[in-house]
Amino acid sequence: MAVVITDLVQIRRLGENARDENFRFRSFLKTHKYNELRLRRIAQDIEEDIDCTQCANCCRVAIVPLKERDIPKLAKALRMSPTQFAERYVEYNEEEGCDVLKRAETGCVFLSGNECTIYDDRPSNCVSFPHVVKGEGPISTRMWQFVDRASYCPIVYNAMEAWKDETRFKR
């Protein structure tokens, strides 16, 4: 495996520079055969090499869409009613078309330093983030998410670069 890049400044620059290439790669995956299991294993190896608590950039940058079951679970963990939780921590996001966790100036309202204060009860979207290993449907149908995430998530950036090598994508 190639060297894993974790420097966030470098990830942002490289991810932004690869944006057009990543869109082409997205189209490539939709029209070519590839081994889904192999790509997931590559991503899993990368996930295991990166300590998300050293980064937490997703918590600073990403919006967290909530599933219906997340609100009662989080409310229970925080010992409040689902209504109280929703009033305090949830807002509707027009762009996402769903309820999301509110954000503070520094990112997610539950982020403290690089740690999630509700980690054991975090929303399902956070559990499976960045969705390169775990996620609904094949990787090719989730690729639209990865183009943006490659500029702020070291796991996504490195997975996409490794996938390009694995699939012999022409850069």
Foldseek 3Di string as FASTA:
>chain_A
DDDQDDPLVVLQVVLVVCLVVLVVVLVVPVPDDDDQVVLLVLLVVLVVVDDQLVALQCQQDPWAFADPVLQCLVCVVVVHHSVVCCVVFWDQDPVVRGITGDADNRGGPQDDNSDGVCVVSDGPPVVCPPCSNPDPDTPSVVSVSLSVVSNGPSSSVVSSVVVCVRVVPDD
